[in-house]
N, C-alpha and C. Protein backbone atom coordinates (compact mmCIF):
# COMPACT_ATOMS: atom_id res chain seq x y z
N MET A 1 -80.35 31.65 5.74
CA MET A 1 -79.96 30.55 4.91
C MET A 1 -81.04 29.47 4.93
N LEU A 2 -81.54 29.16 6.10
CA LEU A 2 -82.58 28.14 6.24
C LEU A 2 -83.85 28.55 5.49
N SER A 3 -84.20 29.82 5.56
CA SER A 3 -85.40 30.29 4.85
C SER A 3 -85.21 30.19 3.34
N SER A 4 -83.99 30.37 2.85
CA SER A 4 -83.72 30.23 1.42
C SER A 4 -83.91 28.78 0.97
N VAL A 5 -83.46 27.84 1.78
CA VAL A 5 -83.60 26.43 1.46
C VAL A 5 -85.07 26.04 1.45
N ILE A 6 -85.84 26.52 2.40
CA ILE A 6 -87.26 26.21 2.46
C ILE A 6 -87.99 26.82 1.27
N LEU A 7 -87.65 28.06 0.93
CA LEU A 7 -88.27 28.73 -0.21
C LEU A 7 -87.95 27.99 -1.51
N LEU A 8 -86.70 27.58 -1.70
CA LEU A 8 -86.34 26.82 -2.88
C LEU A 8 -87.03 25.45 -2.91
N GLY A 9 -87.25 24.87 -1.77
CA GLY A 9 -87.95 23.59 -1.68
C GLY A 9 -89.39 23.73 -2.16
N PHE A 10 -90.06 24.81 -1.78
CA PHE A 10 -91.44 25.05 -2.23
C PHE A 10 -91.50 25.32 -3.73
N LEU A 11 -90.54 26.06 -4.24
CA LEU A 11 -90.56 26.43 -5.65
C LEU A 11 -90.19 25.26 -6.56
N SER A 12 -89.38 24.32 -6.10
CA SER A 12 -88.95 23.22 -6.95
C SER A 12 -89.83 21.98 -6.81
N SER A 13 -90.75 21.98 -5.87
CA SER A 13 -91.60 20.81 -5.70
C SER A 13 -92.63 20.74 -6.83
N PRO A 14 -92.97 19.55 -7.29
CA PRO A 14 -93.93 19.40 -8.38
C PRO A 14 -95.32 19.86 -7.94
N ALA A 15 -96.05 20.43 -8.87
CA ALA A 15 -97.41 20.87 -8.60
C ALA A 15 -98.38 19.77 -9.02
N PHE A 16 -99.40 19.58 -8.25
CA PHE A 16 -100.40 18.56 -8.55
C PHE A 16 -101.73 19.24 -8.84
N ALA A 17 -102.36 18.81 -9.92
CA ALA A 17 -103.66 19.37 -10.27
C ALA A 17 -104.75 18.41 -9.84
N GLN A 18 -105.85 18.96 -9.49
CA GLN A 18 -106.99 18.15 -9.11
C GLN A 18 -107.73 17.75 -10.39
N GLY A 19 -108.17 16.51 -10.47
CA GLY A 19 -108.89 16.02 -11.65
C GLY A 19 -110.24 16.69 -11.78
N PRO A 20 -110.83 16.64 -12.97
CA PRO A 20 -112.13 17.27 -13.17
C PRO A 20 -113.20 16.60 -12.33
N THR A 21 -114.10 17.40 -11.85
CA THR A 21 -115.21 16.89 -11.06
C THR A 21 -116.40 16.70 -11.97
N ILE A 22 -116.91 15.49 -12.01
CA ILE A 22 -118.08 15.18 -12.83
C ILE A 22 -119.20 14.78 -11.89
N SER A 23 -120.31 15.51 -11.98
CA SER A 23 -121.43 15.17 -11.11
C SER A 23 -122.05 13.86 -11.56
N SER A 24 -122.74 13.20 -10.67
CA SER A 24 -123.30 11.89 -10.98
C SER A 24 -124.40 11.97 -12.03
N GLY A 25 -125.00 13.14 -12.26
CA GLY A 25 -126.06 13.28 -13.25
C GLY A 25 -125.56 13.71 -14.61
N ALA A 26 -124.25 13.85 -14.80
CA ALA A 26 -123.71 14.34 -16.07
C ALA A 26 -123.67 13.21 -17.09
N HIS A 27 -123.92 13.55 -18.33
CA HIS A 27 -123.85 12.59 -19.44
C HIS A 27 -122.88 13.17 -20.45
N MET A 28 -121.80 12.46 -20.68
CA MET A 28 -120.75 12.96 -21.56
C MET A 28 -121.21 12.90 -23.02
N GLY A 29 -120.65 13.78 -23.85
CA GLY A 29 -121.02 13.85 -25.26
C GLY A 29 -120.34 12.78 -26.09
N ILE A 30 -121.06 12.31 -27.11
CA ILE A 30 -120.54 11.32 -28.03
C ILE A 30 -120.59 11.94 -29.42
N LYS A 31 -119.49 11.80 -30.17
CA LYS A 31 -119.40 12.39 -31.50
C LYS A 31 -119.56 11.30 -32.55
N TRP A 32 -120.42 11.59 -33.54
CA TRP A 32 -120.61 10.70 -34.67
C TRP A 32 -120.32 11.45 -35.96
N ASP A 33 -119.76 10.74 -36.93
CA ASP A 33 -119.52 11.28 -38.26
C ASP A 33 -120.34 10.42 -39.22
N TRP A 34 -121.47 10.95 -39.68
CA TRP A 34 -122.38 10.23 -40.56
C TRP A 34 -122.04 10.56 -42.01
N LYS A 35 -121.87 9.54 -42.84
CA LYS A 35 -121.62 9.74 -44.26
C LYS A 35 -122.96 9.63 -44.98
N ILE A 36 -123.36 10.74 -45.62
CA ILE A 36 -124.62 10.80 -46.33
C ILE A 36 -124.32 10.82 -47.82
N ASN A 37 -124.82 9.83 -48.55
CA ASN A 37 -124.64 9.78 -50.00
C ASN A 37 -125.85 10.40 -50.67
N ALA A 38 -125.58 11.39 -51.51
CA ALA A 38 -126.63 12.07 -52.26
C ALA A 38 -126.12 12.27 -53.67
N GLU A 39 -126.82 11.66 -54.63
CA GLU A 39 -126.40 11.71 -56.03
C GLU A 39 -124.99 11.14 -56.12
N ASN A 40 -124.04 11.86 -56.65
CA ASN A 40 -122.66 11.39 -56.77
C ASN A 40 -121.76 12.01 -55.70
N TYR A 41 -122.34 12.50 -54.63
CA TYR A 41 -121.60 13.19 -53.57
C TYR A 41 -121.68 12.41 -52.27
N THR A 42 -120.65 12.57 -51.45
CA THR A 42 -120.68 12.05 -50.08
C THR A 42 -120.46 13.23 -49.14
N PHE A 43 -121.41 13.44 -48.25
CA PHE A 43 -121.34 14.54 -47.29
C PHE A 43 -121.15 13.97 -45.89
N HIS A 44 -120.44 14.72 -45.06
CA HIS A 44 -120.23 14.32 -43.67
C HIS A 44 -121.10 15.19 -42.77
N VAL A 45 -122.04 14.56 -42.07
CA VAL A 45 -122.87 15.24 -41.08
C VAL A 45 -122.32 14.83 -39.73
N ILE A 46 -121.90 15.82 -38.94
CA ILE A 46 -121.29 15.57 -37.64
C ILE A 46 -122.32 15.85 -36.54
N THR A 47 -122.47 14.89 -35.62
CA THR A 47 -123.35 15.11 -34.48
C THR A 47 -122.58 14.86 -33.19
N VAL A 48 -122.85 15.68 -32.20
CA VAL A 48 -122.32 15.49 -30.86
C VAL A 48 -123.51 15.58 -29.93
N SER A 49 -123.74 14.54 -29.16
CA SER A 49 -124.91 14.53 -28.27
C SER A 49 -124.60 13.74 -27.01
N ASN A 50 -125.45 13.94 -26.00
CA ASN A 50 -125.29 13.18 -24.77
C ASN A 50 -126.31 12.05 -24.69
N TYR A 51 -126.78 11.60 -25.83
CA TYR A 51 -127.68 10.45 -25.92
C TYR A 51 -127.29 9.64 -27.15
N ASP A 52 -127.87 8.47 -27.30
CA ASP A 52 -127.48 7.54 -28.35
C ASP A 52 -128.15 7.90 -29.67
N MET A 53 -127.34 8.27 -30.64
CA MET A 53 -127.81 8.58 -31.99
C MET A 53 -127.75 7.27 -32.78
N LYS A 54 -128.89 6.75 -33.20
CA LYS A 54 -128.96 5.43 -33.84
C LYS A 54 -128.71 5.47 -35.34
N ASN A 55 -129.34 6.42 -36.05
CA ASN A 55 -129.28 6.41 -37.50
C ASN A 55 -129.62 7.79 -38.05
N VAL A 56 -129.13 8.06 -39.25
CA VAL A 56 -129.48 9.30 -39.96
C VAL A 56 -129.83 8.90 -41.38
N THR A 57 -130.99 9.38 -41.86
CA THR A 57 -131.39 9.13 -43.24
C THR A 57 -131.63 10.47 -43.92
N PHE A 58 -131.49 10.46 -45.25
CA PHE A 58 -131.66 11.68 -46.03
C PHE A 58 -132.76 11.49 -47.05
N ASN A 59 -133.68 12.46 -47.10
CA ASN A 59 -134.76 12.47 -48.08
C ASN A 59 -134.55 13.70 -48.95
N LYS A 60 -134.03 13.48 -50.17
CA LYS A 60 -133.70 14.63 -51.02
C LYS A 60 -134.94 15.33 -51.54
N THR A 61 -136.05 14.63 -51.69
CA THR A 61 -137.28 15.25 -52.17
C THR A 61 -137.77 16.32 -51.19
N ASN A 62 -137.72 16.00 -49.89
CA ASN A 62 -138.16 16.95 -48.85
C ASN A 62 -137.03 17.82 -48.34
N LYS A 63 -135.80 17.60 -48.84
CA LYS A 63 -134.61 18.29 -48.33
C LYS A 63 -134.55 18.12 -46.81
N GLU A 64 -134.59 16.88 -46.37
CA GLU A 64 -134.75 16.55 -44.95
C GLU A 64 -133.74 15.51 -44.49
N LEU A 65 -133.15 15.75 -43.33
CA LEU A 65 -132.34 14.75 -42.62
C LEU A 65 -133.15 14.28 -41.41
N VAL A 66 -133.26 12.97 -41.23
CA VAL A 66 -134.00 12.42 -40.10
C VAL A 66 -133.02 11.68 -39.20
N PHE A 67 -132.90 12.14 -37.95
CA PHE A 67 -132.01 11.55 -36.95
C PHE A 67 -132.86 10.71 -36.01
N THR A 68 -132.61 9.40 -35.97
CA THR A 68 -133.31 8.51 -35.05
C THR A 68 -132.40 8.28 -33.86
N SER A 69 -132.93 8.53 -32.67
CA SER A 69 -132.08 8.44 -31.47
C SER A 69 -132.87 7.85 -30.31
N ASN A 70 -132.13 7.51 -29.27
CA ASN A 70 -132.74 6.98 -28.05
C ASN A 70 -132.10 7.68 -26.87
N SER A 71 -132.93 8.35 -26.08
CA SER A 71 -132.44 9.05 -24.90
C SER A 71 -132.99 8.37 -23.65
N THR A 72 -132.10 8.05 -22.74
CA THR A 72 -132.52 7.39 -21.50
C THR A 72 -132.67 8.36 -20.34
N HIS A 73 -132.47 9.64 -20.60
CA HIS A 73 -132.55 10.65 -19.54
C HIS A 73 -133.12 11.94 -20.11
N ASP A 74 -133.66 12.77 -19.23
CA ASP A 74 -134.11 14.08 -19.70
C ASP A 74 -132.92 15.03 -19.66
N GLY A 75 -133.07 16.19 -20.26
CA GLY A 75 -131.95 17.12 -20.35
C GLY A 75 -131.01 16.74 -21.48
N SER A 76 -131.56 16.23 -22.58
CA SER A 76 -130.73 15.82 -23.72
C SER A 76 -130.33 17.04 -24.54
N ILE A 77 -129.09 17.04 -25.00
CA ILE A 77 -128.58 18.12 -25.84
C ILE A 77 -127.85 17.52 -27.03
N ALA A 78 -127.88 18.26 -28.14
CA ALA A 78 -127.17 17.80 -29.34
C ALA A 78 -126.69 19.01 -30.12
N GLU A 79 -125.60 18.80 -30.83
CA GLU A 79 -125.07 19.78 -31.77
C GLU A 79 -124.92 19.04 -33.09
N ILE A 80 -125.56 19.57 -34.13
CA ILE A 80 -125.58 18.92 -35.43
C ILE A 80 -124.95 19.86 -36.45
N GLU A 81 -123.93 19.39 -37.14
CA GLU A 81 -123.25 20.18 -38.17
C GLU A 81 -123.58 19.60 -39.54
N ILE A 82 -124.27 20.41 -40.36
CA ILE A 82 -124.76 19.96 -41.66
C ILE A 82 -124.09 20.78 -42.76
N PRO A 83 -123.45 20.13 -43.74
CA PRO A 83 -122.85 20.87 -44.86
C PRO A 83 -123.93 21.63 -45.63
N THR A 84 -123.66 22.89 -45.96
CA THR A 84 -124.65 23.69 -46.69
C THR A 84 -124.84 23.19 -48.11
N ASN A 85 -123.90 22.40 -48.63
CA ASN A 85 -124.09 21.82 -49.96
C ASN A 85 -125.06 20.65 -49.93
N LEU A 86 -125.31 20.08 -48.77
CA LEU A 86 -126.30 19.00 -48.65
C LEU A 86 -127.69 19.62 -48.55
N ILE A 87 -127.97 20.27 -47.44
CA ILE A 87 -129.19 21.08 -47.32
C ILE A 87 -128.79 22.40 -46.68
N GLY A 88 -129.42 23.45 -47.10
CA GLY A 88 -129.07 24.77 -46.58
C GLY A 88 -130.27 25.68 -46.59
N GLY A 89 -129.99 26.96 -46.58
CA GLY A 89 -131.07 27.94 -46.55
C GLY A 89 -131.63 28.09 -45.15
N ASN A 90 -132.92 28.24 -45.06
CA ASN A 90 -133.60 28.38 -43.77
C ASN A 90 -133.85 27.00 -43.20
N LEU A 91 -133.10 26.61 -42.17
CA LEU A 91 -133.24 25.29 -41.57
C LEU A 91 -134.30 25.32 -40.47
N THR A 92 -135.21 24.35 -40.50
CA THR A 92 -136.22 24.19 -39.45
C THR A 92 -136.11 22.77 -38.90
N VAL A 93 -136.52 22.62 -37.63
CA VAL A 93 -136.36 21.34 -36.94
C VAL A 93 -137.68 20.94 -36.31
N SER A 94 -137.98 19.64 -36.37
CA SER A 94 -139.14 19.09 -35.66
C SER A 94 -138.73 17.79 -34.99
N GLN A 95 -139.42 17.48 -33.90
CA GLN A 95 -139.18 16.22 -33.20
C GLN A 95 -140.50 15.47 -33.12
N ASN A 96 -140.47 14.25 -33.60
CA ASN A 96 -141.67 13.41 -33.66
C ASN A 96 -142.83 14.17 -34.30
N GLY A 97 -142.53 14.97 -35.32
CA GLY A 97 -143.55 15.69 -36.07
C GLY A 97 -143.95 17.03 -35.49
N THR A 98 -143.40 17.43 -34.36
CA THR A 98 -143.74 18.70 -33.72
C THR A 98 -142.58 19.69 -33.88
N PRO A 99 -142.84 20.89 -34.44
CA PRO A 99 -141.77 21.88 -34.58
C PRO A 99 -141.18 22.25 -33.23
N VAL A 100 -139.85 22.39 -33.18
CA VAL A 100 -139.16 22.75 -31.95
C VAL A 100 -138.27 23.97 -32.20
N SER A 101 -138.00 24.68 -31.14
CA SER A 101 -137.14 25.86 -31.20
C SER A 101 -135.69 25.41 -31.00
N VAL A 102 -134.82 25.84 -31.91
CA VAL A 102 -133.40 25.49 -31.84
C VAL A 102 -132.58 26.73 -32.13
N ILE A 103 -131.30 26.63 -31.89
CA ILE A 103 -130.36 27.68 -32.27
C ILE A 103 -129.66 27.21 -33.54
N VAL A 104 -129.76 28.01 -34.60
CA VAL A 104 -129.10 27.69 -35.87
C VAL A 104 -128.00 28.72 -36.10
N ILE A 105 -126.79 28.23 -36.29
CA ILE A 105 -125.64 29.09 -36.57
C ILE A 105 -125.22 28.82 -38.01
N PRO A 106 -125.61 29.72 -38.93
CA PRO A 106 -125.26 29.50 -40.34
C PRO A 106 -123.78 29.77 -40.59
N GLY A 107 -123.21 29.02 -41.51
CA GLY A 107 -121.82 29.21 -41.90
C GLY A 107 -121.69 29.11 -43.40
N THR A 108 -120.50 29.33 -43.91
CA THR A 108 -120.30 29.28 -45.36
C THR A 108 -120.25 27.85 -45.88
N GLU A 109 -119.63 26.95 -45.13
CA GLU A 109 -119.52 25.56 -45.57
C GLU A 109 -120.45 24.62 -44.82
N SER A 110 -120.87 25.01 -43.63
CA SER A 110 -121.80 24.18 -42.86
C SER A 110 -122.60 25.05 -41.91
N SER A 111 -123.74 24.52 -41.51
CA SER A 111 -124.58 25.17 -40.51
C SER A 111 -124.61 24.29 -39.28
N THR A 112 -124.62 24.90 -38.11
CA THR A 112 -124.66 24.16 -36.86
C THR A 112 -125.99 24.39 -36.18
N ILE A 113 -126.62 23.30 -35.75
CA ILE A 113 -127.89 23.36 -35.03
C ILE A 113 -127.64 22.90 -33.61
N MET A 114 -128.09 23.71 -32.64
CA MET A 114 -127.98 23.34 -31.22
C MET A 114 -129.38 23.08 -30.71
N LEU A 115 -129.57 21.89 -30.14
CA LEU A 115 -130.88 21.38 -29.79
C LEU A 115 -130.87 20.90 -28.35
N LYS A 116 -131.93 21.23 -27.61
CA LYS A 116 -132.08 20.75 -26.24
C LYS A 116 -133.52 20.29 -26.07
N PHE A 117 -133.69 19.12 -25.45
CA PHE A 117 -135.05 18.62 -25.21
C PHE A 117 -135.07 17.72 -23.99
N ASN A 118 -136.26 17.46 -23.47
CA ASN A 118 -136.42 16.69 -22.24
C ASN A 118 -137.15 15.37 -22.45
N GLN A 119 -137.26 14.89 -23.68
CA GLN A 119 -137.94 13.64 -23.95
C GLN A 119 -137.02 12.46 -23.69
N THR A 120 -137.60 11.34 -23.30
CA THR A 120 -136.84 10.10 -23.17
C THR A 120 -137.44 9.09 -24.14
N GLY A 121 -136.68 8.06 -24.40
CA GLY A 121 -137.13 7.03 -25.34
C GLY A 121 -136.67 7.36 -26.76
N THR A 122 -137.33 6.73 -27.73
CA THR A 122 -136.98 6.93 -29.13
C THR A 122 -137.50 8.28 -29.60
N VAL A 123 -136.63 9.06 -30.22
CA VAL A 123 -136.97 10.40 -30.70
C VAL A 123 -136.50 10.51 -32.14
N ASN A 124 -137.41 10.95 -33.02
CA ASN A 124 -137.05 11.24 -34.41
C ASN A 124 -136.96 12.74 -34.58
N THR A 125 -135.77 13.22 -34.90
CA THR A 125 -135.54 14.65 -35.12
C THR A 125 -135.34 14.87 -36.61
N SER A 126 -136.18 15.74 -37.19
CA SER A 126 -136.10 16.05 -38.62
C SER A 126 -135.57 17.45 -38.81
N VAL A 127 -134.60 17.59 -39.69
CA VAL A 127 -134.06 18.90 -40.05
C VAL A 127 -134.40 19.13 -41.51
N PHE A 128 -135.15 20.22 -41.77
CA PHE A 128 -135.58 20.56 -43.13
C PHE A 128 -134.79 21.76 -43.62
N GLY A 129 -134.34 21.69 -44.86
CA GLY A 129 -133.67 22.82 -45.50
C GLY A 129 -134.52 23.36 -46.62
N THR A 130 -134.15 24.53 -47.12
CA THR A 130 -134.86 25.10 -48.27
C THR A 130 -134.08 24.94 -49.56
N THR A 131 -132.80 24.53 -49.46
CA THR A 131 -132.01 24.29 -50.67
C THR A 131 -131.32 22.94 -50.57
N TYR A 132 -131.11 22.35 -51.72
CA TYR A 132 -130.38 21.10 -51.87
C TYR A 132 -129.47 21.30 -53.07
N LEU A 133 -128.20 21.61 -52.84
CA LEU A 133 -127.30 22.05 -53.89
C LEU A 133 -127.10 21.06 -55.02
N PRO A 134 -126.96 19.76 -54.79
CA PRO A 134 -126.74 18.87 -55.92
C PRO A 134 -127.87 18.88 -56.95
N GLU A 135 -129.06 19.33 -56.59
CA GLU A 135 -130.12 19.38 -57.59
C GLU A 135 -129.82 20.42 -58.66
N PHE A 136 -128.92 21.36 -58.35
CA PHE A 136 -128.56 22.37 -59.32
C PHE A 136 -127.51 21.87 -60.31
N SER A 137 -126.95 20.68 -60.09
CA SER A 137 -125.97 20.16 -61.03
C SER A 137 -126.61 19.90 -62.38
N THR A 138 -127.87 19.47 -62.42
CA THR A 138 -128.56 19.27 -63.70
C THR A 138 -128.85 20.61 -64.35
N VAL A 139 -129.18 21.61 -63.57
CA VAL A 139 -129.43 22.95 -64.11
C VAL A 139 -128.14 23.52 -64.68
N ALA A 140 -127.02 23.30 -63.99
CA ALA A 140 -125.74 23.81 -64.47
C ALA A 140 -125.37 23.19 -65.80
N SER A 141 -125.58 21.90 -65.98
CA SER A 141 -125.27 21.27 -67.25
C SER A 141 -126.20 21.78 -68.35
N LEU A 142 -127.47 22.04 -68.04
CA LEU A 142 -128.40 22.60 -69.01
C LEU A 142 -127.97 24.00 -69.44
N VAL A 143 -127.55 24.82 -68.49
CA VAL A 143 -127.06 26.17 -68.80
C VAL A 143 -125.82 26.10 -69.67
N MET A 144 -124.95 25.16 -69.38
CA MET A 144 -123.73 25.02 -70.16
C MET A 144 -124.06 24.61 -71.60
N ILE A 145 -124.96 23.67 -71.80
CA ILE A 145 -125.36 23.23 -73.14
C ILE A 145 -126.00 24.39 -73.90
N LEU A 146 -126.86 25.15 -73.23
CA LEU A 146 -127.50 26.30 -73.87
C LEU A 146 -126.49 27.36 -74.27
N SER A 147 -125.52 27.62 -73.40
CA SER A 147 -124.52 28.65 -73.72
C SER A 147 -123.63 28.22 -74.88
N ILE A 148 -123.26 26.95 -74.95
CA ILE A 148 -122.46 26.46 -76.09
C ILE A 148 -123.27 26.56 -77.38
N THR A 149 -124.54 26.20 -77.30
CA THR A 149 -125.41 26.31 -78.48
C THR A 149 -125.52 27.75 -78.94
N MET A 150 -125.67 28.67 -78.01
CA MET A 150 -125.78 30.09 -78.36
C MET A 150 -124.48 30.59 -79.00
N VAL A 151 -123.34 30.18 -78.50
CA VAL A 151 -122.06 30.59 -79.07
C VAL A 151 -121.93 30.08 -80.50
N LEU A 152 -122.28 28.82 -80.72
CA LEU A 152 -122.22 28.25 -82.07
C LEU A 152 -123.21 28.95 -83.00
N PHE A 153 -124.41 29.22 -82.51
CA PHE A 153 -125.42 29.89 -83.31
C PHE A 153 -125.00 31.31 -83.69
N VAL A 154 -124.47 32.05 -82.72
CA VAL A 154 -124.02 33.42 -82.98
C VAL A 154 -122.84 33.42 -83.95
N SER A 155 -121.94 32.47 -83.82
CA SER A 155 -120.79 32.44 -84.72
C SER A 155 -121.23 32.11 -86.16
N LYS A 156 -122.26 31.29 -86.36
CA LYS A 156 -122.77 30.98 -87.70
C LYS A 156 -123.49 32.17 -88.29
N ILE A 157 -124.19 32.97 -87.48
CA ILE A 157 -124.90 34.15 -87.97
C ILE A 157 -123.89 35.18 -88.44
N ARG A 158 -122.78 35.33 -87.77
CA ARG A 158 -121.76 36.32 -88.15
C ARG A 158 -121.09 35.97 -89.47
N ARG A 159 -121.06 34.71 -89.82
CA ARG A 159 -120.43 34.27 -91.07
C ARG A 159 -121.26 34.73 -92.27
N PHE A 160 -122.55 34.83 -92.11
CA PHE A 160 -123.40 35.22 -93.24
C PHE A 160 -123.42 36.66 -93.44
């Protein structure tokens, strides 16, 4: 009987979990949602990094996103999610003008870039794409105008 009471006491007692252990050298990630305006579109570029991301600018002529950041420690990492409708295709990355090796995970709606570097101080990271989808909006309207013209032209030829 006594062993039953002790066993029930162990089973009904609350369980306590130990909190996560964070080493003193760890730098937690910070998530930013950057709104990039291009033509009549607004795109959301998401960044998660363990350093301070200051600004993001877009150059549609070069199909380039420039991330200005400041890292106070080495071992910096970032994950950048870029909508494929903003820039897409073969993505390449450079830091302060020097090409760097990154992991690019292409997706249907966005591509994710995983970046690791050991620089401290101000760092400019440029992401270059080979496509910029909104530039095709003018081509699409031109194709539409041409197709309507062709339909009207063909219909007038059939009347004769």
